[in-house]
């Protein structure tokens, strides 16, 4: 029935074609509807309202389809934007993560290089110090390490004793050096020395005896010239 109605309507362009010259005339359209009703044996008014209702429903469905299409398109656009935003955020997060990882790697590498340089420098300094130190330095270093473990009072006493011992040894060394480089004067040293004296012989002691020391019983020493004339008087110097 609907197909037959549509075929009859197509025969009259004044009912649907806006470009038809008879479309502007209501009498022509009314006559066309009456002719269709006669052919289909239906009232022209009922046909008109039926066609109008179908047209309105079709237009409504088209509008709803457009609206639903726009909504779906809008929803699709929103979904695409949401997906794009999520992807950008994920990409940004990935880039930030990679950048953070690179920064962390660079920091670790810098720290490693710094520690390696410090270790090498420290090792070089330690080796240089060890080369400069002798046995005495090593001894005092070991003593200092042991002394640090003692109480403060004991440390002070040990420091005092060691300083006194070192200063006393230095004073003795300076004294010996002074005596070696600056000896005492000869006269003073000569006076300080003691020489042993030998006992005088009898002849020397006899010659050194004064005339007053002779007693009356002491026999005077005779000259070899008058040894034969013991009872005679001793000659004088002029007589000789």
C-alpha atoms as a PDB file:
ATOM      1  CA  UNK A   1       0.000   0.000   0.000  1.00  0.00           C
ATOM      2  CA  UNK A   2       2.727   2.435   0.909  1.00  0.00           C
ATOM      3  CA  UNK A   3       4.661   1.603  -2.248  1.00  0.00           C
ATOM      4  CA  UNK A   4       1.575   2.186  -4.406  1.00  0.00           C
ATOM      5  CA  UNK A   5       0.990   5.479  -2.629  1.00  0.00           C
ATOM      6  CA  UNK A   6       4.568   6.545  -3.269  1.00  0.00           C
ATOM      7  CA  UNK A   7       4.296   5.620  -6.928  1.00  0.00           C
ATOM      8  CA  UNK A   8       1.126   7.702  -7.331  1.00  0.00           C
ATOM      9  CA  UNK A   9       2.729  10.682  -5.568  1.00  0.00           C
ATOM     10  CA  UNK A  10       5.714  10.532  -7.959  1.00  0.00           C
ATOM     11  CA  UNK A  11       3.249  11.023 -10.866  1.00  0.00           C
ATOM     12  CA  UNK A  12       2.372  14.498  -9.544  1.00  0.00           C
ATOM     13  CA  UNK A  13       5.440  16.727  -9.262  1.00  0.00           C
ATOM     14  CA  UNK A  14       3.448  19.538  -7.742  1.00  0.00           C
ATOM     15  CA  UNK A  15       3.238  17.523  -4.509  1.00  0.00           C
ATOM     16  CA  UNK A  16       6.993  17.137  -3.851  1.00  0.00           C
ATOM     17  CA  UNK A  17       9.024  19.137  -6.371  1.00  0.00           C
ATOM     18  CA  UNK A  18       9.618  22.651  -5.170  1.00  0.00           C
ATOM     19  CA  UNK A  19      10.823  23.708  -8.616  1.00  0.00           C
ATOM     20  CA  UNK A  20       7.531  22.717 -10.300  1.00  0.00           C
ATOM     21  CA  UNK A  21       5.437  25.641 -11.622  1.00  0.00           C
ATOM     22  CA  UNK A  22       2.243  24.144 -10.123  1.00  0.00           C
ATOM     23  CA  UNK A  23       3.728  23.719  -6.651  1.00  0.00           C
ATOM     24  CA  UNK A  24       2.679  27.249  -5.735  1.00  0.00           C
ATOM     25  CA  UNK A  25      -0.970  26.583  -6.529  1.00  0.00           C
ATOM     26  CA  UNK A  26      -2.976  24.914  -3.754  1.00  0.00           C
ATOM     27  CA  UNK A  27      -5.854  23.975  -6.114  1.00  0.00           C
ATOM     28  CA  UNK A  28      -3.484  21.949  -8.273  1.00  0.00           C
ATOM     29  CA  UNK A  29      -2.163  20.082  -5.261  1.00  0.00           C
ATOM     30  CA  UNK A  30      -5.721  19.516  -3.983  1.00  0.00           C
ATOM     31  CA  UNK A  31      -6.764  18.081  -7.360  1.00  0.00           C
ATOM     32  CA  UNK A  32      -3.720  15.779  -7.350  1.00  0.00           C
ATOM     33  CA  UNK A  33      -4.604  14.403  -3.910  1.00  0.00           C
ATOM     34  CA  UNK A  34      -8.211  13.780  -4.967  1.00  0.00           C
ATOM     35  CA  UNK A  35      -7.086  11.886  -8.069  1.00  0.00           C
ATOM     36  CA  UNK A  36      -4.735   9.701  -5.987  1.00  0.00           C
ATOM     37  CA  UNK A  37      -7.602   8.972  -3.546  1.00  0.00           C
ATOM     38  CA  UNK A  38      -9.868   7.904  -6.391  1.00  0.00           C
ATOM     39  CA  UNK A  39      -7.208   5.559  -7.781  1.00  0.00           C
ATOM     40  CA  UNK A  40      -6.503   3.979  -4.390  1.00  0.00           C
ATOM     41  CA  UNK A  41     -10.116   4.246  -3.237  1.00  0.00           C
ATOM     42  CA  UNK A  42      -9.117   6.201  -0.155  1.00  0.00           C
ATOM     43  CA  UNK A  43     -10.177   9.626   0.997  1.00  0.00           C
ATOM     44  CA  UNK A  44      -7.839  12.359  -0.172  1.00  0.00           C
ATOM     45  CA  UNK A  45      -7.747  13.890   3.338  1.00  0.00           C
ATOM     46  CA  UNK A  46      -6.634  10.612   4.893  1.00  0.00           C
ATOM     47  CA  UNK A  47      -3.939  10.207   2.265  1.00  0.00           C
ATOM     48  CA  UNK A  48      -2.687  13.714   2.919  1.00  0.00           C
ATOM     49  CA  UNK A  49      -2.481  13.263   6.684  1.00  0.00           C
ATOM     50  CA  UNK A  50      -0.881   9.827   6.264  1.00  0.00           C
ATOM     51  CA  UNK A  51       1.777  11.176   3.968  1.00  0.00           C
ATOM     52  CA  UNK A  52       2.304  14.184   6.195  1.00  0.00           C
ATOM     53  CA  UNK A  53       2.710  11.925   9.234  1.00  0.00           C
ATOM     54  CA  UNK A  54       5.211   9.717   7.439  1.00  0.00           C
ATOM     55  CA  UNK A  55       7.127  12.752   6.252  1.00  0.00           C
ATOM     56  CA  UNK A  56       7.226  14.210   9.757  1.00  0.00           C
ATOM     57  CA  UNK A  57       8.419  10.911  11.195  1.00  0.00           C
ATOM     58  CA  UNK A  58      11.104  10.585   8.544  1.00  0.00           C
ATOM     59  CA  UNK A  59      12.298  14.127   9.131  1.00  0.00           C
ATOM     60  CA  UNK A  60      12.342  13.560  12.874  1.00  0.00           C
ATOM     61  CA  UNK A  61      14.337  10.380  12.436  1.00  0.00           C
ATOM     62  CA  UNK A  62      16.764  12.214  10.195  1.00  0.00           C
ATOM     63  CA  UNK A  63      17.183  14.996  12.730  1.00  0.00           C
ATOM     64  CA  UNK A  64      17.646  12.523  15.522  1.00  0.00           C
ATOM     65  CA  UNK A  65      20.131  10.681  13.377  1.00  0.00           C
ATOM     66  CA  UNK A  66      22.036  13.880  12.796  1.00  0.00           C
ATOM     67  CA  UNK A  67      21.934  14.689  16.480  1.00  0.00           C
ATOM     68  CA  UNK A  68      22.999  11.210  17.445  1.00  0.00           C
ATOM     69  CA  UNK A  69      25.699  11.339  14.797  1.00  0.00           C
ATOM     70  CA  UNK A  70      26.973  14.654  16.090  1.00  0.00           C
ATOM     71  CA  UNK A  71      26.857  13.340  19.619  1.00  0.00           C
ATOM     72  CA  UNK A  72      28.713  10.226  18.630  1.00  0.00           C
ATOM     73  CA  UNK A  73      31.146  12.316  16.651  1.00  0.00           C
ATOM     74  CA  UNK A  74      31.540  14.625  19.608  1.00  0.00           C
ATOM     75  CA  UNK A  75      31.962  11.687  21.920  1.00  0.00           C
ATOM     76  CA  UNK A  76      34.467  10.166  19.522  1.00  0.00           C
ATOM     77  CA  UNK A  77      36.325  13.451  19.368  1.00  0.00           C
ATOM     78  CA  UNK A  78      36.328  13.700  23.136  1.00  0.00           C
ATOM     79  CA  UNK A  79      37.521  10.122  23.407  1.00  0.00           C
ATOM     80  CA  UNK A  80      40.248  10.800  20.871  1.00  0.00           C
ATOM     81  CA  UNK A  81      41.315  13.914  22.727  1.00  0.00           C
ATOM     82  CA  UNK A  82      41.307  11.996  25.993  1.00  0.00           C
ATOM     83  CA  UNK A  83      43.374   9.212  24.454  1.00  0.00           C
ATOM     84  CA  UNK A  84      45.726  11.749  22.904  1.00  0.00           C
ATOM     85  CA  UNK A  85      46.103  13.574  26.206  1.00  0.00           C
ATOM     86  CA  UNK A  86      46.743  10.309  28.017  1.00  0.00           C
ATOM     87  CA  UNK A  87      49.307   9.310  25.398  1.00  0.00           C
ATOM     88  CA  UNK A  88      51.029  12.686  25.632  1.00  0.00           C
ATOM     89  CA  UNK A  89      51.083  12.457  29.411  1.00  0.00           C
ATOM     90  CA  UNK A  90      52.494   8.947  29.190  1.00  0.00           C
ATOM     91  CA  UNK A  91      55.090  10.067  26.658  1.00  0.00           C
ATOM     92  CA  UNK A  92      55.990  13.049  28.820  1.00  0.00           C
ATOM     93  CA  UNK A  93      56.262  10.812  31.847  1.00  0.00           C
ATOM     94  CA  UNK A  94      58.454   8.448  29.849  1.00  0.00           C
ATOM     95  CA  UNK A  95      60.651  11.328  28.717  1.00  0.00           C
ATOM     96  CA  UNK A  96      60.853  12.648  32.255  1.00  0.00           C
ATOM     97  CA  UNK A  97      61.713   9.183  33.500  1.00  0.00           C
ATOM     98  CA  UNK A  98      64.421   8.784  30.876  1.00  0.00           C
ATOM     99  CA  UNK A  99      65.760  12.252  31.585  1.00  0.00           C
ATOM    100  CA  UNK A 100      65.755  11.493  35.295  1.00  0.00           C
ATOM    101  CA  UNK A 101      67.552   8.233  34.627  1.00  0.00           C
ATOM    102  CA  UNK A 102      70.142  10.008  32.489  1.00  0.00           C
ATOM    103  CA  UNK A 103      70.643  12.661  35.150  1.00  0.00           C
ATOM    104  CA  UNK A 104      70.996   9.968  37.794  1.00  0.00           C
ATOM    105  CA  UNK A 105      73.479   8.070  35.637  1.00  0.00           C
ATOM    106  CA  UNK A 106      75.502  11.240  35.092  1.00  0.00           C
ATOM    107  CA  UNK A 107      75.447  11.964  38.813  1.00  0.00           C
ATOM    108  CA  UNK A 108      76.578   8.442  39.622  1.00  0.00           C
ATOM    109  CA  UNK A 109      79.317   8.665  37.009  1.00  0.00           C
ATOM    110  CA  UNK A 110      80.443  12.021  38.372  1.00  0.00           C
ATOM    111  CA  UNK A 111      80.438  10.661  41.915  1.00  0.00           C
ATOM    112  CA  UNK A 112      82.420   7.625  40.779  1.00  0.00           C
ATOM    113  CA  UNK A 113      84.974   9.799  38.999  1.00  0.00           C
ATOM    114  CA  UNK A 114      85.217  12.037  42.046  1.00  0.00           C
ATOM    115  CA  UNK A 115      85.712   9.078  44.387  1.00  0.00           C
ATOM    116  CA  UNK A 116      88.294   7.592  42.027  1.00  0.00           C
ATOM    117  CA  UNK A 117      90.172  10.902  41.863  1.00  0.00           C
ATOM    118  CA  UNK A 118      90.048  11.292  45.640  1.00  0.00           C
ATOM    119  CA  UNK A 119      91.250   7.726  46.102  1.00  0.00           C
ATOM    120  CA  UNK A 120      94.100   8.235  43.664  1.00  0.00           C
ATOM    121  CA  UNK A 121      95.027  11.567  45.242  1.00  0.00           C
ATOM    122  CA  UNK A 122      94.836  10.111  48.740  1.00  0.00           C
ATOM    123  CA  UNK A 123      96.887   7.096  47.697  1.00  0.00           C
ATOM    124  CA  UNK A 124      99.493   9.356  46.115  1.00  0.00           C
ATOM    125  CA  UNK A 125      99.632  11.566  49.208  1.00  0.00           C
ATOM    126  CA  UNK A 126      99.904   8.550  51.498  1.00  0.00           C
ATOM    127  CA  UNK A 127     102.701   7.049  49.415  1.00  0.00           C
ATOM    128  CA  UNK A 128     104.501  10.415  49.356  1.00  0.00           C
ATOM    129  CA  UNK A 129     104.120  10.732  53.132  1.00  0.00           C
ATOM    130  CA  UNK A 130     105.364   7.189  53.646  1.00  0.00           C
ATOM    131  CA  UNK A 131     108.391   7.940  51.489  1.00  0.00           C
ATOM    132  CA  UNK A 132     109.161  11.066  53.525  1.00  0.00           C
ATOM    133  CA  UNK A 133     108.810   9.378  56.920  1.00  0.00           C
ATOM    134  CA  UNK A 134     111.710   7.556  58.529  1.00  0.00           C
ATOM    135  CA  UNK A 135     111.837   5.083  61.415  1.00  0.00           C
ATOM    136  CA  UNK A 136     111.732   7.820  64.057  1.00  0.00           C
ATOM    137  CA  UNK A 137     108.645   9.407  62.504  1.00  0.00           C
ATOM    138  CA  UNK A 138     106.912   6.053  62.287  1.00  0.00           C
ATOM    139  CA  UNK A 139     107.803   5.341  65.903  1.00  0.00           C
ATOM    140  CA  UNK A 140     106.346   8.601  67.163  1.00  0.00           C
ATOM    141  CA  UNK A 141     103.257   8.118  65.007  1.00  0.00           C
ATOM    142  CA  UNK A 142     102.664   4.709  66.539  1.00  0.00           C
ATOM    143  CA  UNK A 143     103.251   6.170  69.996  1.00  0.00           C
ATOM    144  CA  UNK A 144     100.739   8.941  69.264  1.00  0.00           C
ATOM    145  CA  UNK A 145      98.126   6.395  68.164  1.00  0.00           C
ATOM    146  CA  UNK A 146      98.565   4.442  71.391  1.00  0.00           C
ATOM    147  CA  UNK A 147      98.612   7.621  73.487  1.00  0.00           C
ATOM    148  CA  UNK A 148      95.285   8.810  72.043  1.00  0.00           C
ATOM    149  CA  UNK A 149      93.568   5.780  73.560  1.00  0.00           C
ATOM    150  CA  UNK A 150      94.616   6.774  77.100  1.00  0.00           C
ATOM    151  CA  UNK A 151      92.858   9.266  79.419  1.00  0.00           C
ATOM    152  CA  UNK A 152      93.575  12.965  79.024  1.00  0.00           C
ATOM    153  CA  UNK A 153      95.536  13.204  82.297  1.00  0.00           C
ATOM    154  CA  UNK A 154      97.773  10.293  81.362  1.00  0.00           C
ATOM    155  CA  UNK A 155      98.293  11.825  77.930  1.00  0.00           C
ATOM    156  CA  UNK A 156      99.379  15.103  79.523  1.00  0.00           C
ATOM    157  CA  UNK A 157     101.819  13.293  81.841  1.00  0.00           C
ATOM    158  CA  UNK A 158     103.310  11.317  78.958  1.00  0.00           C
ATOM    159  CA  UNK A 159     103.695  14.493  76.906  1.00  0.00           C
ATOM    160  CA  UNK A 160     105.397  16.254  79.830  1.00  0.00           C
ATOM    161  CA  UNK A 161     107.823  13.392  80.444  1.00  0.00           C
ATOM    162  CA  UNK A 162     108.672  13.019  76.779  1.00  0.00           C
ATOM    163  CA  UNK A 163     109.187  16.746  76.292  1.00  0.00           C
ATOM    164  CA  UNK A 164     111.428  16.942  79.393  1.00  0.00           C
ATOM    165  CA  UNK A 165     113.471  13.973  78.209  1.00  0.00           C
ATOM    166  CA  UNK A 166     113.887  15.392  74.715  1.00  0.00           C
ATOM    167  CA  UNK A 167     114.788  18.871  75.995  1.00  0.00           C
ATOM    168  CA  UNK A 168     117.317  17.451  78.485  1.00  0.00           C
ATOM    169  CA  UNK A 169     118.949  15.411  75.725  1.00  0.00           C
ATOM    170  CA  UNK A 170     119.072  18.497  73.522  1.00  0.00           C
ATOM    171  CA  UNK A 171     120.708  20.548  76.309  1.00  0.00           C
ATOM    172  CA  UNK A 172     123.369  17.862  76.827  1.00  0.00           C
ATOM    173  CA  UNK A 173     124.036  17.744  73.105  1.00  0.00           C
ATOM    174  CA  UNK A 174     124.372  21.531  72.980  1.00  0.00           C
ATOM    175  CA  UNK A 175     126.811  21.477  75.924  1.00  0.00           C
ATOM    176  CA  UNK A 176     129.054  18.903  74.274  1.00  0.00           C
ATOM    177  CA  UNK A 177     128.950  20.857  71.030  1.00  0.00           C
ATOM    178  CA  UNK A 178     129.887  24.083  72.854  1.00  0.00           C
ATOM    179  CA  UNK A 179     132.877  22.498  74.626  1.00  0.00           C
ATOM    180  CA  UNK A 180     134.110  21.001  71.355  1.00  0.00           C
ATOM    181  CA  UNK A 181     133.900  24.227  69.372  1.00  0.00           C
ATOM    182  CA  UNK A 182     134.894  26.650  72.179  1.00  0.00           C
ATOM    183  CA  UNK A 183     137.689  25.085  74.449  1.00  0.00           C
ATOM    184  CA  UNK A 184     138.798  26.735  77.755  1.00  0.00           C
ATOM    185  CA  UNK A 185     141.921  29.063  77.900  1.00  0.00           C
ATOM    186  CA  UNK A 186     145.418  27.391  78.219  1.00  0.00           C
ATOM    187  CA  UNK A 187     146.497  29.129  81.458  1.00  0.00           C
ATOM    188  CA  UNK A 188     143.320  28.137  83.219  1.00  0.00           C
ATOM    189  CA  UNK A 189     143.603  24.577  82.074  1.00  0.00           C
ATOM    190  CA  UNK A 190     147.283  24.525  82.989  1.00  0.00           C
ATOM    191  CA  UNK A 191     146.566  25.780  86.504  1.00  0.00           C
ATOM    192  CA  UNK A 192     143.839  23.250  86.959  1.00  0.00           C
ATOM    193  CA  UNK A 193     146.227  20.389  86.041  1.00  0.00           C
ATOM    194  CA  UNK A 194     148.346  18.892  88.885  1.00  0.00           C
ATOM    195  CA  UNK A 195     151.887  17.664  88.147  1.00  0.00           C
ATOM    196  CA  UNK A 196     153.741  15.272  90.564  1.00  0.00           C
ATOM    197  CA  UNK A 197     156.971  16.676  92.167  1.00  0.00           C
ATOM    198  CA  UNK A 198     160.091  14.474  92.750  1.00  0.00           C
ATOM    199  CA  UNK A 199     162.029  14.537  96.023  1.00  0.00           C
ATOM    200  CA  UNK A 200     165.358  16.496  95.822  1.00  0.00           C
ATOM    201  CA  UNK A 201     168.630  14.580  95.913  1.00  0.00           C
ATOM    202  CA  UNK A 202     170.934  14.865  98.985  1.00  0.00           C
ATOM    203  CA  UNK A 203     173.462  16.960  97.113  1.00  0.00           C
ATOM    204  CA  UNK A 204     170.812  19.412  95.921  1.00  0.00           C
ATOM    205  CA  UNK A 205     169.337  19.639  99.354  1.00  0.00           C
ATOM    206  CA  UNK A 206     172.770  20.181 100.844  1.00  0.00           C
ATOM    207  CA  UNK A 207     173.548  22.985  98.453  1.00  0.00           C
ATOM    208  CA  UNK A 208     170.231  24.592  99.109  1.00  0.00           C
ATOM    209  CA  UNK A 209     170.852  24.614 102.863  1.00  0.00           C
ATOM    210  CA  UNK A 210     171.711  28.056 104.218  1.00  0.00           C
ATOM    211  CA  UNK A 211     174.901  28.661 106.360  1.00  0.00           C
ATOM    212  CA  UNK A 212     172.826  29.502 109.335  1.00  0.00           C
ATOM    213  CA  UNK A 213     171.399  26.065 109.334  1.00  0.00           C
ATOM    214  CA  UNK A 214     174.737  24.462 110.105  1.00  0.00           C
ATOM    215  CA  UNK A 215     175.283  23.546 113.694  1.00  0.00           C
ATOM    216  CA  UNK A 216     178.554  23.539 115.535  1.00  0.00           C
ATOM    217  CA  UNK A 217     178.862  19.810 115.219  1.00  0.00           C
ATOM    218  CA  UNK A 218     178.224  19.840 111.491  1.00  0.00           C
ATOM    219  CA  UNK A 219     181.294  19.313 109.401  1.00  0.00           C
ATOM    220  CA  UNK A 220     181.563  21.801 106.559  1.00  0.00           C
ATOM    221  CA  UNK A 221     182.061  20.597 103.036  1.00  0.00           C
ATOM    222  CA  UNK A 222     185.741  20.735 102.070  1.00  0.00           C
ATOM    223  CA  UNK A 223     187.137  21.580  98.739  1.00  0.00           C
ATOM    224  CA  UNK A 224     189.154  19.054  96.793  1.00  0.00           C
ATOM    225  CA  UNK A 225     192.099  21.449  97.026  1.00  0.00           C
ATOM    226  CA  UNK A 226     192.486  21.095 100.765  1.00  0.00           C
ATOM    227  CA  UNK A 227     191.479  17.532 101.188  1.00  0.00           C
ATOM    228  CA  UNK A 228     195.091  16.536 101.945  1.00  0.00           C
ATOM    229  CA  UNK A 229     195.631  19.317 104.570  1.00  0.00           C
ATOM    230  CA  UNK A 230     192.883  18.540 106.940  1.00  0.00           C
ATOM    231  CA  UNK A 231     194.547  20.135 109.981  1.00  0.00           C
ATOM    232  CA  UNK A 232     195.574  23.280 108.207  1.00  0.00           C
ATOM    233  CA  UNK A 233     193.749  26.486 107.652  1.00  0.00           C
ATOM    234  CA  UNK A 234     191.726  26.762 104.457  1.00  0.00           C
ATOM    235  CA  UNK A 235     193.501  29.071 101.908  1.00  0.00           C
ATOM    236  CA  UNK A 236     191.857  32.161 100.669  1.00  0.00           C
ATOM    237  CA  UNK A 237     190.878  32.961  97.119  1.00  0.00           C
ATOM    238  CA  UNK A 238     193.950  35.251  96.615  1.00  0.00           C
ATOM    239  CA  UNK A 239     196.265  32.561  97.761  1.00  0.00           C
ATOM    240  CA  UNK A 240     194.917  30.209  95.259  1.00  0.00           C
END
